[in-house]
Amino acid sequence: MMLIRRLCAAVLLTAVSSWAVAPASAADAVYPRGIRVGIVPLDGLTQSPSFVGFESADHGVKVLLAELPPAAYGEVESAFKATPEGVGGVKPENLETTAGKGYYTIEKAKDGADAVRRYSLIVPGSGFSGYIAVQVAEASAKSVSDDDVRRMFSSVTVRKEVPVDEQLALMPFKLGDLSAFKMVRTLAPGAALLLADASDDAGIEAAPFMVIGLIGSAPEKPDDRSRFAQQAAGIIPGLRDGRITMSEPVRIDGAPGYETRIDAVSGKANTPVTVVQWLRFGSGTVAMRIIASAPREEWPKAFPRFRAVRDGMQSR
């Protein structure tokens, strides 16, 4: 109820004729690039260039797909069971989907001044929860019924992993060397990538891993980069009792950069780790940021692997 409604609103806010329903089968499901959630979209919907999902040519119908933490599905399931009558006039329903048992809601809402009908569905995934939000403008409501959306929802399916090549193709950089990392996972499509030795999401910090992405508001003047690098290193998530042991300018692939190293503890087991942050500056105020972490006893073997990934990167 309130949780799934908030999820729906959040996903819809981040999204920068006659309709028929295609047969709902996993074989026909379409996975937008970089995501583990797929669906058989209504005929006439095409993949959106501005958000992860599908939309009509007139933008009156939008279908957004997202991945949520694995606990989200259980929280929604518990909330639905605790208050089966719903909250605020929105009654939850359950639905059998290709991905398993899902929970969905339907409600009337506003998109600015326009009246819309919103639908949201959550399904279980392998190490994540699949989430689908549909928005139908009032002008399209006569041709897209609640039953149409429910049948589309029933086609939702999930895959265990996104192919590595598909993930890498979305990034604003190329990686020439993955240094034998077991896990390659998109953290934000087209923006951030995780490389890890862990075989699943649990306990990633207990083994070497890297996070590669972009950081905005980087200083253009060289004199400001030392302070910026240390400030960025000081707010790396998940580190406790951190101490900067080195921070100095370097050249990365011929471009100006900054290397900062930190000793800290991380994770539930308070694992002592050594972390390196590399910033590669370019034109403008956007910098490439690489964060690499390893348990301290594994640092001597992990650091050359981190360097190999860094030195094999190229901008697109």
C-alpha atoms as a PDB file:
ATOM      1  CA  MET A   1       0.000   0.000   0.000  1.00  0.00           C
ATOM      2  CA  MET A   2       1.847   3.142   1.178  1.00  0.00           C
ATOM      3  CA  LEU A   3       5.229   1.528   0.498  1.00  0.00           C
ATOM      4  CA  ILE A   4       4.369   0.393  -3.002  1.00  0.00           C
ATOM      5  CA  ARG A   5       2.664   3.736  -3.712  1.00  0.00           C
ATOM      6  CA  ARG A   6       5.817   5.591  -2.661  1.00  0.00           C
ATOM      7  CA  LEU A   7       7.910   3.306  -4.835  1.00  0.00           C
ATOM      8  CA  CYS A   8       5.614   3.994  -7.762  1.00  0.00           C
ATOM      9  CA  ALA A   9       5.795   7.750  -7.275  1.00  0.00           C
ATOM     10  CA  ALA A  10       9.574   7.695  -6.886  1.00  0.00           C
ATOM     11  CA  VAL A  11      10.156   5.703 -10.044  1.00  0.00           C
ATOM     12  CA  LEU A  12       7.735   7.804 -12.067  1.00  0.00           C
ATOM     13  CA  LEU A  13       9.353  11.033 -10.878  1.00  0.00           C
ATOM     14  CA  THR A  14      12.784   9.867 -11.990  1.00  0.00           C
ATOM     15  CA  ALA A  15      11.697   9.209 -15.548  1.00  0.00           C
ATOM     16  CA  VAL A  16      13.195  11.978 -17.285  1.00  0.00           C
ATOM     17  CA  SER A  17      -5.265   4.756 -30.836  1.00  0.00           C
ATOM     18  CA  SER A  18      -6.216   1.235 -29.779  1.00  0.00           C
ATOM     19  CA  TRP A  19      -4.100  -1.090 -27.662  1.00  0.00           C
ATOM     20  CA  ALA A  20      -4.016  -4.867 -27.729  1.00  0.00           C
ATOM     21  CA  VAL A  21      -2.217  -7.297 -25.453  1.00  0.00           C
ATOM     22  CA  ALA A  22       0.462  -9.575 -26.862  1.00  0.00           C
ATOM     23  CA  PRO A  23       0.518 -13.193 -25.645  1.00  0.00           C
ATOM     24  CA  ALA A  24       2.020 -13.291 -22.159  1.00  0.00           C
ATOM     25  CA  SER A  25       4.927 -15.713 -22.388  1.00  0.00           C
ATOM     26  CA  ALA A  26       8.443 -15.523 -21.025  1.00  0.00           C
ATOM     27  CA  ALA A  27       9.825 -16.219 -24.507  1.00  0.00           C
ATOM     28  CA  ASP A  28       8.342 -12.960 -25.775  1.00  0.00           C
ATOM     29  CA  ALA A  29       9.447 -10.860 -22.811  1.00  0.00           C
ATOM     30  CA  VAL A  30      11.642  -7.862 -23.600  1.00  0.00           C
ATOM     31  CA  TYR A  31      14.412  -6.866 -21.197  1.00  0.00           C
ATOM     32  CA  PRO A  32      15.441  -3.217 -21.468  1.00  0.00           C
ATOM     33  CA  ARG A  33      19.216  -3.019 -21.674  1.00  0.00           C
ATOM     34  CA  GLY A  34      21.012  -3.234 -18.354  1.00  0.00           C
ATOM     35  CA  ILE A  35      18.171  -4.551 -16.190  1.00  0.00           C
ATOM     36  CA  ARG A  36      17.105  -7.984 -14.935  1.00  0.00           C
ATOM     37  CA  VAL A  37      13.361  -7.313 -15.191  1.00  0.00           C
ATOM     38  CA  GLY A  38      11.493  -7.987 -18.436  1.00  0.00           C
ATOM     39  CA  ILE A  39       7.913  -7.790 -19.652  1.00  0.00           C
ATOM     40  CA  VAL A  40       5.745  -8.388 -22.715  1.00  0.00           C
ATOM     41  CA  PRO A  41       4.721  -4.786 -23.477  1.00  0.00           C
ATOM     42  CA  LEU A  42       1.378  -3.834 -24.947  1.00  0.00           C
ATOM     43  CA  ASP A  43       1.364  -3.595 -28.723  1.00  0.00           C
ATOM     44  CA  GLY A  44       2.369  -0.109 -29.774  1.00  0.00           C
ATOM     45  CA  LEU A  45       4.748   0.472 -26.874  1.00  0.00           C
ATOM     46  CA  THR A  46       8.425   0.873 -27.702  1.00  0.00           C
ATOM     47  CA  GLN A  47      11.492   1.184 -25.511  1.00  0.00           C
ATOM     48  CA  SER A  48      11.860   4.687 -24.131  1.00  0.00           C
ATOM     49  CA  PRO A  49      15.007   6.706 -24.841  1.00  0.00           C
ATOM     50  CA  SER A  50      14.625   8.665 -21.590  1.00  0.00           C
ATOM     51  CA  PHE A  51      13.948   6.006 -18.935  1.00  0.00           C
ATOM     52  CA  VAL A  52      14.232   2.242 -18.423  1.00  0.00           C
ATOM     53  CA  GLY A  53      10.999   0.911 -19.847  1.00  0.00           C
ATOM     54  CA  PHE A  54       8.455   1.450 -22.596  1.00  0.00           C
ATOM     55  CA  GLU A  55       6.119   4.203 -23.727  1.00  0.00           C
ATOM     56  CA  SER A  56       3.606   5.107 -26.415  1.00  0.00           C
ATOM     57  CA  ALA A  57       4.440   7.504 -29.237  1.00  0.00           C
ATOM     58  CA  ASP A  58       2.355  10.255 -27.594  1.00  0.00           C
ATOM     59  CA  HIS A  59       3.855   9.510 -24.115  1.00  0.00           C
ATOM     60  CA  GLY A  60       0.351   8.871 -22.779  1.00  0.00           C
ATOM     61  CA  VAL A  61       1.292   5.377 -21.581  1.00  0.00           C
ATOM     62  CA  LYS A  62       4.548   4.722 -19.717  1.00  0.00           C
ATOM     63  CA  VAL A  63       5.856   1.438 -18.321  1.00  0.00           C
ATOM     64  CA  LEU A  64       8.897   1.802 -16.069  1.00  0.00           C
ATOM     65  CA  LEU A  65      10.972  -1.138 -14.858  1.00  0.00           C
ATOM     66  CA  ALA A  66      13.375  -1.099 -11.928  1.00  0.00           C
ATOM     67  CA  GLU A  67      15.321  -3.283  -9.525  1.00  0.00           C
ATOM     68  CA  LEU A  68      14.826  -2.826  -5.789  1.00  0.00           C
ATOM     69  CA  PRO A  69      16.659  -4.411  -2.838  1.00  0.00           C
ATOM     70  CA  PRO A  70      15.653  -8.037  -2.177  1.00  0.00           C
ATOM     71  CA  ALA A  71      13.939  -7.124   1.118  1.00  0.00           C
ATOM     72  CA  ALA A  72      11.453  -4.816  -0.659  1.00  0.00           C
ATOM     73  CA  TYR A  73       9.282  -7.705  -1.874  1.00  0.00           C
ATOM     74  CA  GLY A  74       8.992  -9.217   1.608  1.00  0.00           C
ATOM     75  CA  GLU A  75       8.163  -5.829   3.139  1.00  0.00           C
ATOM     76  CA  VAL A  76       5.354  -5.268   0.650  1.00  0.00           C
ATOM     77  CA  GLU A  77       4.075  -8.822   1.113  1.00  0.00           C
ATOM     78  CA  SER A  78       3.978  -8.362   4.900  1.00  0.00           C
ATOM     79  CA  ALA A  79       2.225  -4.993   4.584  1.00  0.00           C
ATOM     80  CA  PHE A  80      -0.399  -6.441   2.258  1.00  0.00           C
ATOM     81  CA  LYS A  81      -1.105  -9.325   4.638  1.00  0.00           C
ATOM     82  CA  ALA A  82      -1.289  -6.985   7.640  1.00  0.00           C
ATOM     83  CA  THR A  83      -3.836  -4.663   6.002  1.00  0.00           C
ATOM     84  CA  PRO A  84      -5.614  -6.612   3.234  1.00  0.00           C
ATOM     85  CA  GLU A  85      -8.317  -3.940   3.052  1.00  0.00           C
ATOM     86  CA  GLY A  86      -5.777  -1.391   1.873  1.00  0.00           C
ATOM     87  CA  VAL A  87      -5.021   2.175   2.913  1.00  0.00           C
ATOM     88  CA  GLY A  88      -6.500   5.421   1.631  1.00  0.00           C
ATOM     89  CA  GLY A  89      -8.973   3.668  -0.623  1.00  0.00           C
ATOM     90  CA  VAL A  90      -6.237   1.766  -2.493  1.00  0.00           C
ATOM     91  CA  LYS A  91      -6.795  -1.975  -2.122  1.00  0.00           C
ATOM     92  CA  PRO A  92      -3.845  -4.291  -2.748  1.00  0.00           C
ATOM     93  CA  GLU A  93      -4.230  -7.327  -5.003  1.00  0.00           C
ATOM     94  CA  ASN A  94      -2.049 -10.346  -5.705  1.00  0.00           C
ATOM     95  CA  LEU A  95      -1.305 -11.746  -9.139  1.00  0.00           C
ATOM     96  CA  GLU A  96       0.452 -14.809 -10.475  1.00  0.00           C
ATOM     97  CA  THR A  97       3.183 -13.763 -12.904  1.00  0.00           C
ATOM     98  CA  THR A  98       5.869 -15.527 -14.874  1.00  0.00           C
ATOM     99  CA  ALA A  99       8.314 -14.352 -12.177  1.00  0.00           C
ATOM    100  CA  GLY A 100       6.154 -15.671  -9.308  1.00  0.00           C
ATOM    101  CA  LYS A 101       3.500 -14.224  -7.040  1.00  0.00           C
ATOM    102  CA  GLY A 102       3.287 -10.458  -7.348  1.00  0.00           C
ATOM    103  CA  TYR A 103       1.451  -7.697  -5.494  1.00  0.00           C
ATOM    104  CA  TYR A 104      -0.020  -4.686  -7.252  1.00  0.00           C
ATOM    105  CA  THR A 105      -2.115  -1.592  -6.695  1.00  0.00           C
ATOM    106  CA  ILE A 106      -4.207   0.689  -8.910  1.00  0.00           C
ATOM    107  CA  GLU A 107      -4.942   4.312  -8.089  1.00  0.00           C
ATOM    108  CA  LYS A 108      -5.944   7.631  -9.567  1.00  0.00           C
ATOM    109  CA  ALA A 109      -3.340  10.381  -9.415  1.00  0.00           C
ATOM    110  CA  LYS A 110      -2.100  13.593 -10.989  1.00  0.00           C
ATOM    111  CA  ASP A 111       0.909  14.176 -13.224  1.00  0.00           C
ATOM    112  CA  GLY A 112       1.142  17.932 -12.887  1.00  0.00           C
ATOM    113  CA  ALA A 113      -2.308  19.161 -13.879  1.00  0.00           C
ATOM    114  CA  ASP A 114      -3.169  15.994 -15.838  1.00  0.00           C
ATOM    115  CA  ALA A 115      -5.254  13.166 -14.422  1.00  0.00           C
ATOM    116  CA  VAL A 116      -3.590   9.752 -14.733  1.00  0.00           C
ATOM    117  CA  ARG A 117      -4.145   6.179 -13.618  1.00  0.00           C
ATOM    118  CA  ARG A 118      -1.182   4.538 -11.922  1.00  0.00           C
ATOM    119  CA  TYR A 119      -0.426   0.857 -11.480  1.00  0.00           C
ATOM    120  CA  SER A 120       2.485  -0.654  -9.578  1.00  0.00           C
ATOM    121  CA  LEU A 121       3.665  -4.246  -9.207  1.00  0.00           C
ATOM    122  CA  ILE A 122       6.430  -5.898  -7.217  1.00  0.00           C
ATOM    123  CA  VAL A 123       7.717  -9.436  -7.841  1.00  0.00           C
ATOM    124  CA  PRO A 124      10.495 -11.570  -6.357  1.00  0.00           C
ATOM    125  CA  GLY A 125      13.870 -11.852  -8.056  1.00  0.00           C
ATOM    126  CA  SER A 126      17.132 -13.658  -7.387  1.00  0.00           C
ATOM    127  CA  GLY A 127      18.888 -11.283  -4.987  1.00  0.00           C
ATOM    128  CA  PHE A 128      16.614  -8.350  -5.873  1.00  0.00           C
ATOM    129  CA  SER A 129      12.951  -7.377  -6.193  1.00  0.00           C
ATOM    130  CA  GLY A 130      11.471  -6.565  -9.596  1.00  0.00           C
ATOM    131  CA  TYR A 131       9.333  -3.432  -9.768  1.00  0.00           C
ATOM    132  CA  ILE A 132       7.061  -2.204 -12.556  1.00  0.00           C
ATOM    133  CA  ALA A 133       5.187   1.106 -12.584  1.00  0.00           C
ATOM    134  CA  VAL A 134       2.628   1.957 -15.259  1.00  0.00           C
ATOM    135  CA  GLN A 135       1.115   5.372 -15.848  1.00  0.00           C
ATOM    136  CA  VAL A 136      -1.835   5.849 -18.208  1.00  0.00           C
ATOM    137  CA  ALA A 137      -2.977   9.367 -19.070  1.00  0.00           C
ATOM    138  CA  GLU A 138      -6.697  10.071 -18.952  1.00  0.00           C
ATOM    139  CA  ALA A 139      -6.788  10.478 -22.729  1.00  0.00           C
ATOM    140  CA  SER A 140      -5.443   6.916 -23.146  1.00  0.00           C
ATOM    141  CA  ALA A 141      -7.547   5.297 -20.420  1.00  0.00           C
ATOM    142  CA  LYS A 142     -10.396   4.339 -22.760  1.00  0.00           C
ATOM    143  CA  SER A 143      -8.110   2.182 -24.864  1.00  0.00           C
ATOM    144  CA  VAL A 144      -6.001   0.728 -22.028  1.00  0.00           C
ATOM    145  CA  SER A 145      -8.135  -0.983 -19.386  1.00  0.00           C
ATOM    146  CA  ASP A 146      -7.251  -2.314 -15.951  1.00  0.00           C
ATOM    147  CA  ASP A 147      -7.509  -5.835 -17.385  1.00  0.00           C
ATOM    148  CA  ASP A 148      -5.025  -4.941 -20.136  1.00  0.00           C
ATOM    149  CA  VAL A 149      -2.472  -3.820 -17.562  1.00  0.00           C
ATOM    150  CA  ARG A 150      -3.099  -6.865 -15.367  1.00  0.00           C
ATOM    151  CA  ARG A 151      -2.488  -9.194 -18.300  1.00  0.00           C
ATOM    152  CA  MET A 152       0.692  -7.314 -19.116  1.00  0.00           C
ATOM    153  CA  PHE A 153       1.747  -7.567 -15.477  1.00  0.00           C
ATOM    154  CA  SER A 154       1.243 -11.343 -15.599  1.00  0.00           C
ATOM    155  CA  SER A 155       3.989 -11.545 -18.259  1.00  0.00           C
ATOM    156  CA  VAL A 156       6.658 -10.021 -15.998  1.00  0.00           C
ATOM    157  CA  THR A 157       9.754 -12.173 -15.784  1.00  0.00           C
ATOM    158  CA  VAL A 158      13.238 -11.846 -14.296  1.00  0.00           C
ATOM    159  CA  ARG A 159      16.677 -13.083 -15.275  1.00  0.00           C
ATOM    160  CA  LYS A 160      19.510 -13.926 -12.922  1.00  0.00           C
ATOM    161  CA  GLU A 161      22.117 -11.707 -14.550  1.00  0.00           C
ATOM    162  CA  VAL A 162      22.482  -9.098 -17.266  1.00  0.00           C
ATOM    163  CA  PRO A 163      25.070 -10.269 -19.824  1.00  0.00           C
ATOM    164  CA  VAL A 164      28.407  -8.573 -19.182  1.00  0.00           C
ATOM    165  CA  ASP A 165      28.721  -7.242 -22.733  1.00  0.00           C
ATOM    166  CA  GLU A 166      25.265  -5.680 -22.442  1.00  0.00           C
ATOM    167  CA  GLN A 167      26.207  -3.941 -19.207  1.00  0.00           C
ATOM    168  CA  LEU A 168      29.511  -2.646 -20.516  1.00  0.00           C
ATOM    169  CA  ALA A 169      27.907  -1.313 -23.693  1.00  0.00           C
ATOM    170  CA  LEU A 170      25.850   1.093 -21.586  1.00  0.00           C
ATOM    171  CA  MET A 171      28.840   2.675 -19.871  1.00  0.00           C
ATOM    172  CA  PRO A 172      30.475   5.956 -20.963  1.00  0.00           C
ATOM    173  CA  PHE A 173      33.814   4.119 -20.933  1.00  0.00           C
ATOM    174  CA  LYS A 174      35.332   0.918 -22.286  1.00  0.00           C
ATOM    175  CA  LEU A 175      37.077  -1.668 -20.123  1.00  0.00           C
ATOM    176  CA  GLY A 176      39.916  -3.548 -21.761  1.00  0.00           C
ATOM    177  CA  ASP A 177      40.715  -5.722 -18.708  1.00  0.00           C
ATOM    178  CA  LEU A 178      38.255  -7.082 -16.112  1.00  0.00           C
ATOM    179  CA  SER A 179      41.092  -8.658 -14.042  1.00  0.00           C
ATOM    180  CA  ALA A 180      39.144 -11.917 -13.565  1.00  0.00           C
ATOM    181  CA  PHE A 181      36.528 -10.372 -11.276  1.00  0.00           C
ATOM    182  CA  LYS A 182      33.711 -12.875 -10.729  1.00  0.00           C
ATOM    183  CA  MET A 183      30.866 -10.352 -10.595  1.00  0.00           C
ATOM    184  CA  VAL A 184      30.203  -7.546 -13.049  1.00  0.00           C
ATOM    185  CA  ARG A 185      27.072  -5.591 -12.179  1.00  0.00           C
ATOM    186  CA  THR A 186      25.557  -2.298 -13.220  1.00  0.00           C
ATOM    187  CA  LEU A 187      24.790  -0.110 -10.206  1.00  0.00           C
ATOM    188  CA  ALA A 188      23.207   2.626 -12.305  1.00  0.00           C
ATOM    189  CA  PRO A 189      22.601   1.971 -16.020  1.00  0.00           C
ATOM    190  CA  GLY A 190      25.006   4.049 -18.046  1.00  0.00           C
ATOM    191  CA  ALA A 191      26.600   5.605 -14.962  1.00  0.00           C
ATOM    192  CA  ALA A 192      28.224   3.190 -12.461  1.00  0.00           C
ATOM    193  CA  LEU A 193      29.615  -0.340 -12.528  1.00  0.00           C
ATOM    194  CA  LEU A 194      30.627  -2.829  -9.818  1.00  0.00           C
ATOM    195  CA  LEU A 195      33.396  -5.405 -10.245  1.00  0.00           C
ATOM    196  CA  ALA A 196      33.712  -7.844  -7.340  1.00  0.00           C
ATOM    197  CA  ASP A 197      35.280 -11.132  -6.300  1.00  0.00           C
ATOM    198  CA  ALA A 198      32.233 -12.014  -4.199  1.00  0.00           C
ATOM    199  CA  SER A 199      29.863 -14.506  -5.843  1.00  0.00           C
ATOM    200  CA  ASP A 200      26.760 -12.697  -4.577  1.00  0.00           C
ATOM    201  CA  ASP A 201      25.702  -9.405  -3.004  1.00  0.00           C
ATOM    202  CA  ALA A 202      26.323 -10.614   0.556  1.00  0.00           C
ATOM    203  CA  GLY A 203      29.684  -9.633   1.987  1.00  0.00           C
ATOM    204  CA  ILE A 204      31.075  -7.840  -1.051  1.00  0.00           C
ATOM    205  CA  GLU A 205      33.425  -5.817   1.164  1.00  0.00           C
ATOM    206  CA  ALA A 206      35.083  -9.008   2.481  1.00  0.00           C
ATOM    207  CA  ALA A 207      36.855  -9.502  -0.872  1.00  0.00           C
ATOM    208  CA  PRO A 208      38.433  -7.172  -3.455  1.00  0.00           C
ATOM    209  CA  PHE A 209      35.967  -5.035  -5.414  1.00  0.00           C
ATOM    210  CA  MET A 210      35.840  -1.904  -7.564  1.00  0.00           C
ATOM    211  CA  VAL A 211      33.187   0.727  -8.274  1.00  0.00           C
ATOM    212  CA  ILE A 212      33.651   2.736 -11.467  1.00  0.00           C
ATOM    213  CA  GLY A 213      31.541   5.716 -12.428  1.00  0.00           C
ATOM    214  CA  LEU A 214      31.315   9.430 -12.983  1.00  0.00           C
ATOM    215  CA  ILE A 215      31.345  12.215 -10.423  1.00  0.00           C
ATOM    216  CA  GLY A 216      30.005  15.692 -11.105  1.00  0.00           C
ATOM    217  CA  SER A 217      31.070  19.122  -9.882  1.00  0.00           C
ATOM    218  CA  ALA A 218      34.753  18.297 -10.284  1.00  0.00           C
ATOM    219  CA  PRO A 219      37.056  21.341 -10.210  1.00  0.00           C
ATOM    220  CA  GLU A 220      38.496  22.546 -13.497  1.00  0.00           C
ATOM    221  CA  LYS A 221      41.454  24.301 -11.840  1.00  0.00           C
ATOM    222  CA  PRO A 222      44.388  22.012 -10.879  1.00  0.00           C
ATOM    223  CA  ASP A 223      44.931  23.928  -7.619  1.00  0.00           C
ATOM    224  CA  ASP A 224      41.500  22.834  -6.352  1.00  0.00           C
ATOM    225  CA  ARG A 225      41.869  19.120  -7.092  1.00  0.00           C
ATOM    226  CA  SER A 226      43.786  18.062  -3.976  1.00  0.00           C
ATOM    227  CA  ARG A 227      41.078  19.336  -1.647  1.00  0.00           C
ATOM    228  CA  PHE A 228      38.345  17.885  -3.865  1.00  0.00           C
ATOM    229  CA  ALA A 229      39.995  14.436  -3.971  1.00  0.00           C
ATOM    230  CA  GLN A 230      40.330  14.279  -0.202  1.00  0.00           C
ATOM    231  CA  GLN A 231      36.775  15.445   0.365  1.00  0.00           C
ATOM    232  CA  ALA A 232      35.463  12.823  -2.080  1.00  0.00           C
ATOM    233  CA  ALA A 233      37.519  10.113  -0.373  1.00  0.00           C
ATOM    234  CA  GLY A 234      36.168  11.159   3.012  1.00  0.00           C
ATOM    235  CA  ILE A 235      32.580  10.376   2.052  1.00  0.00           C
ATOM    236  CA  ILE A 236      33.054   6.949   0.440  1.00  0.00           C
ATOM    237  CA  PRO A 237      30.049   4.935   1.694  1.00  0.00           C
ATOM    238  CA  GLY A 238      30.567   1.978   4.017  1.00  0.00           C
ATOM    239  CA  LEU A 239      33.913   3.014   5.503  1.00  0.00           C
ATOM    240  CA  ARG A 240      34.427   3.617   9.212  1.00  0.00           C
ATOM    241  CA  ASP A 241      37.405   4.985  11.125  1.00  0.00           C
ATOM    242  CA  GLY A 242      38.986   6.006   7.847  1.00  0.00           C
ATOM    243  CA  ARG A 243      42.461   7.546   7.663  1.00  0.00           C
ATOM    244  CA  ILE A 244      43.971   9.003   4.483  1.00  0.00           C
ATOM    245  CA  THR A 245      47.501   7.641   4.102  1.00  0.00           C
ATOM    246  CA  MET A 246      48.376   9.208   0.752  1.00  0.00           C
ATOM    247  CA  SER A 247      46.905  11.717  -1.694  1.00  0.00           C
ATOM    248  CA  GLU A 248      48.858  12.976  -4.685  1.00  0.00           C
ATOM    249  CA  PRO A 249      48.453  13.962  -8.344  1.00  0.00           C
ATOM    250  CA  VAL A 250      49.023  11.288 -11.005  1.00  0.00           C
ATOM    251  CA  ARG A 251      48.594  10.870 -14.763  1.00  0.00           C
ATOM    252  CA  ILE A 252      45.954   8.357 -15.855  1.00  0.00           C
ATOM    253  CA  ASP A 253      45.932   7.442 -19.533  1.00  0.00           C
ATOM    254  CA  GLY A 254      47.667  10.739 -20.231  1.00  0.00           C
ATOM    255  CA  ALA A 255      45.038  12.788 -18.390  1.00  0.00           C
ATOM    256  CA  PRO A 256      45.461  14.602 -15.055  1.00  0.00           C
ATOM    257  CA  GLY A 257      44.281  12.608 -12.089  1.00  0.00           C
ATOM    258  CA  TYR A 258      44.542  12.158  -8.333  1.00  0.00           C
ATOM    259  CA  GLU A 259      45.247   9.057  -6.274  1.00  0.00           C
ATOM    260  CA  THR A 260      44.109   8.869  -2.660  1.00  0.00           C
ATOM    261  CA  ARG A 261      44.549   5.879  -0.340  1.00  0.00           C
ATOM    262  CA  ILE A 262      42.639   5.195   2.863  1.00  0.00           C
ATOM    263  CA  ASP A 263      42.956   2.657   5.668  1.00  0.00           C
ATOM    264  CA  ALA A 264      39.579   1.926   7.279  1.00  0.00           C
ATOM    265  CA  VAL A 265      37.223  -0.806   8.466  1.00  0.00           C
ATOM    266  CA  SER A 266      34.193  -1.962   6.506  1.00  0.00           C
ATOM    267  CA  GLY A 267      31.240  -4.340   6.714  1.00  0.00           C
ATOM    268  CA  LYS A 268      29.438  -6.082   9.546  1.00  0.00           C
ATOM    269  CA  ALA A 269      32.581  -8.023  10.423  1.00  0.00           C
ATOM    270  CA  ASN A 270      34.608  -4.794  10.783  1.00  0.00           C
ATOM    271  CA  THR A 271      37.056  -5.979   8.139  1.00  0.00           C
ATOM    272  CA  PRO A 272      40.261  -3.882   7.994  1.00  0.00           C
ATOM    273  CA  VAL A 273      40.536  -2.672   4.396  1.00  0.00           C
ATOM    274  CA  THR A 274      42.772  -0.535   2.236  1.00  0.00           C
ATOM    275  CA  VAL A 275      40.992   1.593  -0.343  1.00  0.00           C
ATOM    276  CA  VAL A 276      42.284   3.548  -3.300  1.00  0.00           C
ATOM    277  CA  GLN A 277      40.340   6.286  -5.045  1.00  0.00           C
ATOM    278  CA  TRP A 278      41.420   7.423  -8.497  1.00  0.00           C
ATOM    279  CA  LEU A 279      39.975  10.527 -10.087  1.00  0.00           C
ATOM    280  CA  ARG A 280      40.647  11.169 -13.766  1.00  0.00           C
ATOM    281  CA  PHE A 281      39.869  14.710 -14.784  1.00  0.00           C
ATOM    282  CA  GLY A 282      38.855  15.747 -18.268  1.00  0.00           C
ATOM    283  CA  SER A 283      37.293  18.795 -19.832  1.00  0.00           C
ATOM    284  CA  GLY A 284      34.470  20.429 -17.903  1.00  0.00           C
ATOM    285  CA  THR A 285      33.357  19.493 -14.397  1.00  0.00           C
ATOM    286  CA  VAL A 286      32.822  15.732 -14.761  1.00  0.00           C
ATOM    287  CA  ALA A 287      35.530  13.310 -13.614  1.00  0.00           C
ATOM    288  CA  MET A 288      35.894   9.551 -13.836  1.00  0.00           C
ATOM    289  CA  ARG A 289      35.968   8.046 -10.362  1.00  0.00           C
ATOM    290  CA  ILE A 290      37.341   4.612  -9.473  1.00  0.00           C
ATOM    291  CA  ILE A 291      37.047   3.255  -5.938  1.00  0.00           C
ATOM    292  CA  ALA A 292      38.853  -0.035  -5.241  1.00  0.00           C
ATOM    293  CA  SER A 293      38.861  -1.840  -1.903  1.00  0.00           C
ATOM    294  CA  ALA A 294      40.500  -4.989  -0.560  1.00  0.00           C
ATOM    295  CA  PRO A 295      40.958  -6.565   2.871  1.00  0.00           C
ATOM    296  CA  ARG A 296      44.312  -5.344   4.079  1.00  0.00           C
ATOM    297  CA  GLU A 297      46.023  -8.746   3.955  1.00  0.00           C
ATOM    298  CA  GLU A 298      44.917  -9.142   0.308  1.00  0.00           C
ATOM    299  CA  TRP A 299      46.018  -5.668  -0.783  1.00  0.00           C
ATOM    300  CA  PRO A 300      49.425  -6.627  -2.280  1.00  0.00           C
ATOM    301  CA  LYS A 301      47.752  -9.071  -4.708  1.00  0.00           C
ATOM    302  CA  ALA A 302      44.659  -6.939  -5.336  1.00  0.00           C
ATOM    303  CA  PHE A 303      46.370  -3.645  -6.181  1.00  0.00           C
ATOM    304  CA  PRO A 304      47.961  -4.821  -9.489  1.00  0.00           C
ATOM    305  CA  ARG A 305      44.518  -6.079 -10.564  1.00  0.00           C
ATOM    306  CA  PHE A 306      42.996  -2.687  -9.737  1.00  0.00           C
ATOM    307  CA  ARG A 307      45.730  -0.975 -11.772  1.00  0.00           C
ATOM    308  CA  ALA A 308      45.107  -3.296 -14.729  1.00  0.00           C
ATOM    309  CA  VAL A 309      41.414  -2.348 -14.818  1.00  0.00           C
ATOM    310  CA  ARG A 310      42.226   1.349 -14.456  1.00  0.00           C
ATOM    311  CA  ASP A 311      44.886   1.341 -17.149  1.00  0.00           C
ATOM    312  CA  GLY A 312      42.652  -0.582 -19.546  1.00  0.00           C
ATOM    313  CA  MET A 313      39.865   2.015 -19.432  1.00  0.00           C
ATOM    314  CA  GLN A 314      39.111   4.262 -22.368  1.00  0.00           C
ATOM    315  CA  SER A 315      36.475   6.938 -22.835  1.00  0.00           C
ATOM    316  CA  ARG A 316      33.882   6.333 -25.532  1.00  0.00           C
END
